[in-house]
Amino acid sequence: MNKLALTEKRNPETVNIDLMDSWQIAKTLNNEDKKVALAVEKALPQIGDAIEVIAEAFRKGGRLAYFGAGTSGRLGVLDASECWPTFGVDHGMVNGFIAGGDRALRFSVENSEDNADLALADLNAFNPIPDDVVVGISANGGPRYVLTVLEEAQKRGCKTVGISSNPEAKLKAFADIFINPVVGEEPIAGSSRMKSGTAQKMILNMLSTGAMIRIGKVYENYMIDVRMMNQKLVDRGIRIVSEIARIPYEEAADYIEASGHKVKTACVMAVKQISKIEAEQLLEQNNGILRKIIS
């Protein structure tokens, strides 16, 4: 008999959850969720290492790609899709792949997590080079899809990161950095969309956000490369310029317009009292890091 992965074992705190009323169920699930942040905290050294590896890849023009099956794949696609509007990066800089393709975002695609051919097809679609970073995500750490991706990515010279809630995850063997938040047994045995999924969401947020901060996509805690795609984001951009440059909202709006709707450029223009071209030159000379220009 195969040894059960931690994510498959029964949780002693929830064996009678089916006898609880709705309030008790909510309290019990909340108590289990409280354990997630503490588990992630113990993995901070590895998370920090991964952030720096990803940031260094970005500095070299490299890319980041997440690969996972089921919940893990969906979370990877979610994090990747949010990077473009949040940090103004080019499409393709951060990528998300799920076993079974886009259909698997909404429906279960049978046997896709154990399909090595699908893994190779998705990895070839990403077409990794040594400057790229490949992240494999899996609660139990054993799907053939994820193992194949990580193993092949290493062969191609990529840095690899593995994320799993299972200390004995098979993907550990193919991960240069192994991030292992041990969240314990799930409230519902085997339902890794719960605590394991929450831990994965937290970690992916840290990886992408941390790397973006390291390459200058954030000033203080302002989202200075936000793409102003709707009125809410236009207002946000104007307020950011107003607060950083310490000028009235209306004046900041004029700078936003003159900058071509680029918050970072508008900030340099306003603080330094220079033209758009001069501001863009300064940003290029300083690798886009606003702190170096206006601190």
Protein backbone atom coordinates (compact mmCIF):
# COMPACT_ATOMS: atom_id res chain seq x y z
CA MET A 1 0.00 0.00 0.00
CA ASN A 2 1.38 3.42 -0.98
CA LYS A 3 2.11 5.85 1.83
CA LEU A 4 -0.48 8.61 1.95
CA ALA A 5 0.71 12.11 1.19
CA LEU A 6 0.03 14.61 3.96
CA THR A 7 -2.55 16.32 1.73
CA GLU A 8 -4.54 13.05 1.58
CA LYS A 9 -4.62 12.26 5.29
CA ARG A 10 -7.64 12.87 7.54
CA ASN A 11 -7.63 15.91 9.79
CA PRO A 12 -8.36 14.94 13.43
CA GLU A 13 -9.88 18.39 14.08
CA THR A 14 -12.63 17.92 11.52
CA VAL A 15 -13.71 14.28 11.80
CA ASN A 16 -17.15 15.38 13.06
CA ILE A 17 -17.56 18.38 10.78
CA ASP A 18 -20.66 16.80 9.23
CA LEU A 19 -22.40 17.00 12.63
CA MET A 20 -21.70 20.71 13.10
CA ASP A 21 -24.11 23.56 12.47
CA SER A 22 -23.22 26.28 9.94
CA TRP A 23 -21.57 28.59 12.47
CA GLN A 24 -19.45 25.77 13.88
CA ILE A 25 -18.38 24.75 10.37
CA ALA A 26 -17.31 28.31 9.59
CA LYS A 27 -15.38 28.57 12.87
CA THR A 28 -13.66 25.23 12.33
CA LEU A 29 -12.61 26.09 8.78
CA ASN A 30 -11.40 29.49 9.95
CA ASN A 31 -9.30 27.88 12.68
CA GLU A 32 -7.68 25.66 10.06
CA ASP A 33 -7.05 28.63 7.77
CA LYS A 34 -5.22 30.42 10.60
CA LYS A 35 -2.52 27.75 10.36
CA VAL A 36 -1.73 28.64 6.74
CA ALA A 37 0.07 31.94 7.32
CA LEU A 38 2.24 30.34 10.01
CA ALA A 39 3.19 27.54 7.63
CA VAL A 40 4.08 30.05 4.92
CA GLU A 41 6.14 32.02 7.44
CA LYS A 42 8.39 29.00 7.97
CA ALA A 43 9.09 28.91 4.23
CA LEU A 44 10.10 32.59 3.99
CA PRO A 45 13.84 31.91 3.46
CA GLN A 46 13.07 29.84 0.36
CA ILE A 47 10.45 32.33 -0.81
CA GLY A 48 13.00 35.13 -0.49
CA ASP A 49 15.54 33.12 -2.49
CA ALA A 50 12.97 32.52 -5.22
CA ILE A 51 12.04 36.22 -5.38
CA GLU A 52 15.67 37.14 -5.99
CA VAL A 53 16.12 34.45 -8.64
CA ILE A 54 13.02 35.69 -10.48
CA ALA A 55 14.06 39.34 -10.17
CA GLU A 56 17.50 38.52 -11.56
CA ALA A 57 15.88 36.71 -14.48
CA PHE A 58 13.73 39.77 -15.19
CA ARG A 59 16.79 42.03 -15.13
CA LYS A 60 18.33 39.84 -17.85
CA GLY A 61 15.19 39.98 -19.97
CA GLY A 62 14.06 36.54 -18.81
CA ARG A 63 10.54 35.37 -18.06
CA LEU A 64 8.59 33.58 -15.35
CA ALA A 65 6.23 30.68 -15.98
CA TYR A 66 3.93 28.82 -13.60
CA PHE A 67 2.86 25.24 -14.33
CA GLY A 68 0.27 23.29 -12.34
CA ALA A 69 -2.76 21.03 -12.51
CA GLY A 70 -6.23 21.65 -11.09
CA THR A 71 -6.36 24.30 -8.36
CA SER A 72 -2.60 24.83 -8.54
CA GLY A 73 -2.73 25.51 -12.26
CA ARG A 74 -5.67 27.88 -11.90
CA LEU A 75 -3.85 29.88 -9.21
CA GLY A 76 -0.77 30.14 -11.41
CA VAL A 77 -2.80 31.42 -14.35
CA LEU A 78 -4.55 33.90 -12.05
CA ASP A 79 -1.32 35.34 -10.68
CA ALA A 80 0.25 35.56 -14.14
CA SER A 81 -2.77 37.31 -15.64
CA GLU A 82 -2.77 39.99 -12.92
CA CYS A 83 0.85 41.05 -13.53
CA TRP A 84 0.16 42.82 -16.83
CA PRO A 85 -2.36 45.39 -15.50
CA THR A 86 -0.81 45.71 -12.04
CA PHE A 87 2.81 46.21 -12.98
CA GLY A 88 2.59 47.27 -16.63
CA VAL A 89 4.79 44.41 -17.81
CA ASP A 90 4.72 43.09 -21.35
CA HIS A 91 2.47 40.16 -22.13
CA GLY A 92 4.59 37.04 -21.93
CA MET A 93 6.87 38.22 -19.14
CA VAL A 94 4.81 36.23 -16.62
CA ASN A 95 2.97 33.15 -17.89
CA GLY A 96 0.58 30.60 -16.45
CA PHE A 97 -0.04 27.09 -17.78
CA ILE A 98 -2.59 24.58 -16.51
CA ALA A 99 -2.70 20.89 -17.36
CA GLY A 100 -5.50 20.47 -19.89
CA GLY A 101 -5.30 24.00 -21.28
CA ASP A 102 -7.79 26.82 -20.96
CA ARG A 103 -10.76 24.44 -20.75
CA ALA A 104 -9.31 23.17 -17.47
CA LEU A 105 -9.76 26.63 -15.95
CA ARG A 106 -13.50 25.93 -15.76
CA PHE A 107 -13.84 22.17 -16.07
CA SER A 108 -11.95 19.09 -14.93
CA VAL A 109 -9.95 17.64 -17.83
CA GLU A 110 -9.60 13.93 -17.16
CA ASN A 111 -6.10 12.53 -16.59
CA SER A 112 -4.40 15.77 -17.66
CA GLU A 113 -2.33 15.98 -14.48
CA ASP A 114 -0.68 12.64 -15.27
CA ASN A 115 0.00 13.38 -18.94
CA ALA A 116 3.69 13.93 -19.72
CA ASP A 117 2.91 14.72 -23.37
CA LEU A 118 0.71 17.65 -22.34
CA ALA A 119 3.50 18.86 -20.08
CA LEU A 120 6.06 18.83 -22.88
CA ALA A 121 3.63 20.53 -25.26
CA ASP A 122 2.99 23.35 -22.77
CA LEU A 123 6.68 23.72 -21.97
CA ASN A 124 7.50 23.86 -25.68
CA ALA A 125 4.79 26.51 -26.11
CA PHE A 126 6.57 28.57 -23.45
CA ASN A 127 9.89 27.72 -25.16
CA PRO A 128 12.16 28.32 -22.14
CA ILE A 129 15.72 29.56 -22.32
CA PRO A 130 18.34 29.57 -19.52
CA ASP A 131 17.41 33.11 -18.45
CA ASP A 132 13.85 32.01 -17.62
CA VAL A 133 12.43 30.69 -14.33
CA VAL A 134 9.95 27.81 -14.26
CA VAL A 135 7.74 27.26 -11.20
CA GLY A 136 5.95 23.96 -10.64
CA ILE A 137 2.97 24.05 -8.28
CA SER A 138 1.32 21.02 -6.70
CA ALA A 139 -0.18 20.34 -3.30
CA ASN A 140 1.04 16.73 -3.09
CA GLY A 141 4.00 17.34 -5.40
CA GLY A 142 3.56 14.27 -7.56
CA PRO A 143 1.61 14.88 -10.80
CA ARG A 144 3.48 13.68 -13.87
CA TYR A 145 2.58 16.94 -15.63
CA VAL A 146 4.47 19.06 -13.09
CA LEU A 147 7.37 16.63 -12.67
CA THR A 148 7.91 16.46 -16.42
CA VAL A 149 7.89 20.25 -16.77
CA LEU A 150 10.43 20.78 -13.99
CA GLU A 151 12.72 17.97 -15.11
CA GLU A 152 12.78 19.16 -18.71
CA ALA A 153 13.17 22.82 -17.69
CA GLN A 154 16.27 21.91 -15.69
CA LYS A 155 17.68 20.07 -18.69
CA ARG A 156 17.25 23.25 -20.72
CA GLY A 157 19.22 25.28 -18.18
CA CYS A 158 16.34 27.08 -16.46
CA LYS A 159 16.17 27.83 -12.77
CA THR A 160 13.30 25.87 -11.25
CA VAL A 161 11.12 26.45 -8.20
CA GLY A 162 8.81 23.84 -6.70
CA ILE A 163 5.88 24.67 -4.42
CA SER A 164 4.19 21.86 -2.47
CA SER A 165 2.49 21.25 0.88
CA ASN A 166 3.99 17.76 1.03
CA PRO A 167 7.46 17.49 2.65
CA GLU A 168 8.06 14.33 0.60
CA ALA A 169 6.95 15.85 -2.72
CA LYS A 170 8.52 14.18 -5.75
CA LEU A 171 8.96 17.56 -7.44
CA LYS A 172 11.59 18.41 -4.82
CA ALA A 173 14.09 16.40 -6.87
CA PHE A 174 13.67 18.75 -9.83
CA ALA A 175 13.47 22.07 -7.96
CA ASP A 176 16.50 24.31 -7.44
CA ILE A 177 14.42 25.99 -4.74
CA PHE A 178 11.80 23.94 -2.86
CA ILE A 179 9.10 25.96 -1.09
CA ASN A 180 7.27 23.75 1.37
CA PRO A 181 4.50 25.31 3.49
CA VAL A 182 3.39 22.38 5.64
CA VAL A 183 -0.21 23.38 6.27
CA GLY A 184 -1.23 20.00 7.68
CA GLU A 185 -4.18 17.84 6.77
CA GLU A 186 -6.99 19.51 4.86
CA PRO A 187 -10.34 20.06 6.65
CA ILE A 188 -11.90 17.79 4.03
CA ALA A 189 -9.47 14.96 3.32
CA GLY A 190 -7.79 15.42 -0.05
CA SER A 191 -9.41 18.79 -0.82
CA SER A 192 -6.19 20.64 -1.52
CA ARG A 193 -8.07 23.65 -2.91
CA MET A 194 -8.47 24.62 0.74
CA LYS A 195 -5.40 25.20 2.96
CA SER A 196 -2.86 24.14 0.34
CA GLY A 197 -4.52 26.37 -2.24
CA THR A 198 -4.55 29.31 0.15
CA ALA A 199 -0.84 28.84 0.86
CA GLN A 200 -0.09 28.66 -2.86
CA LYS A 201 -2.02 31.88 -3.50
CA MET A 202 -0.05 33.67 -0.78
CA ILE A 203 3.28 32.40 -2.08
CA LEU A 204 2.59 33.23 -5.73
CA ASN A 205 1.59 36.75 -4.67
CA MET A 206 4.90 37.07 -2.84
CA LEU A 207 6.96 35.75 -5.76
CA SER A 208 5.51 38.00 -8.45
CA THR A 209 5.04 41.08 -6.26
CA GLY A 210 8.44 40.71 -4.61
CA ALA A 211 10.24 40.34 -7.93
CA MET A 212 8.40 43.34 -9.38
CA ILE A 213 9.38 45.44 -6.37
CA ARG A 214 13.00 44.39 -6.80
CA ILE A 215 13.08 45.57 -10.43
CA GLY A 216 11.54 48.98 -9.70
CA LYS A 217 7.86 48.45 -10.46
CA VAL A 218 6.92 49.92 -7.07
CA TYR A 219 7.88 53.23 -5.43
CA GLU A 220 7.34 53.21 -1.66
CA ASN A 221 4.12 51.18 -1.82
CA TYR A 222 2.69 52.88 -4.90
CA MET A 223 1.78 50.91 -8.02
CA ILE A 224 3.78 53.19 -10.33
CA ASP A 225 3.61 51.12 -13.52
CA VAL A 226 -0.13 50.50 -13.40
CA ARG A 227 -1.83 50.38 -16.80
CA MET A 228 -4.68 52.88 -16.73
CA MET A 229 -7.27 50.81 -18.57
CA ASN A 230 -10.42 52.21 -16.95
CA GLN A 231 -11.59 55.27 -15.05
CA LYS A 232 -10.78 53.78 -11.65
CA LEU A 233 -7.19 53.16 -12.70
CA VAL A 234 -6.88 56.59 -14.32
CA ASP A 235 -7.99 58.14 -11.03
CA ARG A 236 -5.51 55.96 -9.16
CA GLY A 237 -2.70 57.03 -11.45
CA ILE A 238 -3.50 60.71 -11.00
CA ARG A 239 -3.65 60.35 -7.22
CA ILE A 240 -0.29 58.56 -7.18
CA VAL A 241 1.36 61.40 -9.11
CA SER A 242 -0.37 63.97 -6.93
CA GLU A 243 0.90 62.33 -3.73
CA ILE A 244 4.44 61.52 -4.87
CA ALA A 245 5.04 64.94 -6.48
CA ARG A 246 2.99 66.76 -3.82
CA ILE A 247 0.95 68.69 -6.35
CA PRO A 248 -2.82 69.27 -6.72
CA TYR A 249 -4.92 66.53 -8.31
CA GLU A 250 -5.75 68.70 -11.34
CA GLU A 251 -2.09 69.43 -12.00
CA ALA A 252 -1.25 65.74 -11.66
CA ALA A 253 -3.94 64.97 -14.24
CA ASP A 254 -2.21 67.30 -16.69
CA TYR A 255 1.09 65.50 -16.15
CA ILE A 256 -0.59 62.14 -16.67
CA GLU A 257 -1.95 63.39 -19.97
CA ALA A 258 1.39 64.86 -21.05
CA SER A 259 3.26 61.68 -20.13
CA GLY A 260 1.11 59.46 -22.32
CA HIS A 261 -0.64 58.01 -19.28
CA LYS A 262 2.57 56.73 -17.68
CA VAL A 263 2.60 57.27 -13.94
CA LYS A 264 6.35 56.88 -13.50
CA THR A 265 7.15 59.29 -16.33
CA ALA A 266 4.62 61.80 -15.01
CA CYS A 267 6.20 61.67 -11.55
CA VAL A 268 9.66 62.44 -12.93
CA MET A 269 8.29 65.24 -15.09
CA ALA A 270 6.49 66.81 -12.13
CA VAL A 271 9.28 66.45 -9.56
CA LYS A 272 12.15 67.42 -11.86
CA GLN A 273 10.18 69.94 -13.93
CA ILE A 274 11.41 68.41 -17.19
CA SER A 275 9.91 67.23 -20.46
CA LYS A 276 8.55 63.79 -21.23
CA ILE A 277 11.59 62.94 -23.35
CA GLU A 278 13.99 64.02 -20.60
CA ALA A 279 12.01 62.05 -18.00
CA GLU A 280 12.08 58.91 -20.14
CA GLN A 281 15.83 59.29 -20.63
CA LEU A 282 16.37 59.56 -16.88
CA LEU A 283 14.28 56.48 -16.28
CA GLU A 284 16.21 54.51 -18.87
CA GLN A 285 19.53 55.58 -17.36
CA ASN A 286 18.35 54.38 -13.95
CA ASN A 287 16.81 51.07 -15.09
CA GLY A 288 13.33 52.41 -14.44
CA ILE A 289 13.90 52.73 -10.69
CA LEU A 290 12.12 55.88 -9.55
CA ARG A 291 13.86 55.96 -6.17
CA LYS A 292 17.19 56.65 -7.84
CA ILE A 293 15.79 59.74 -9.56
CA ILE A 294 13.56 61.49 -7.06
CA SER A 295 14.68 60.24 -3.64
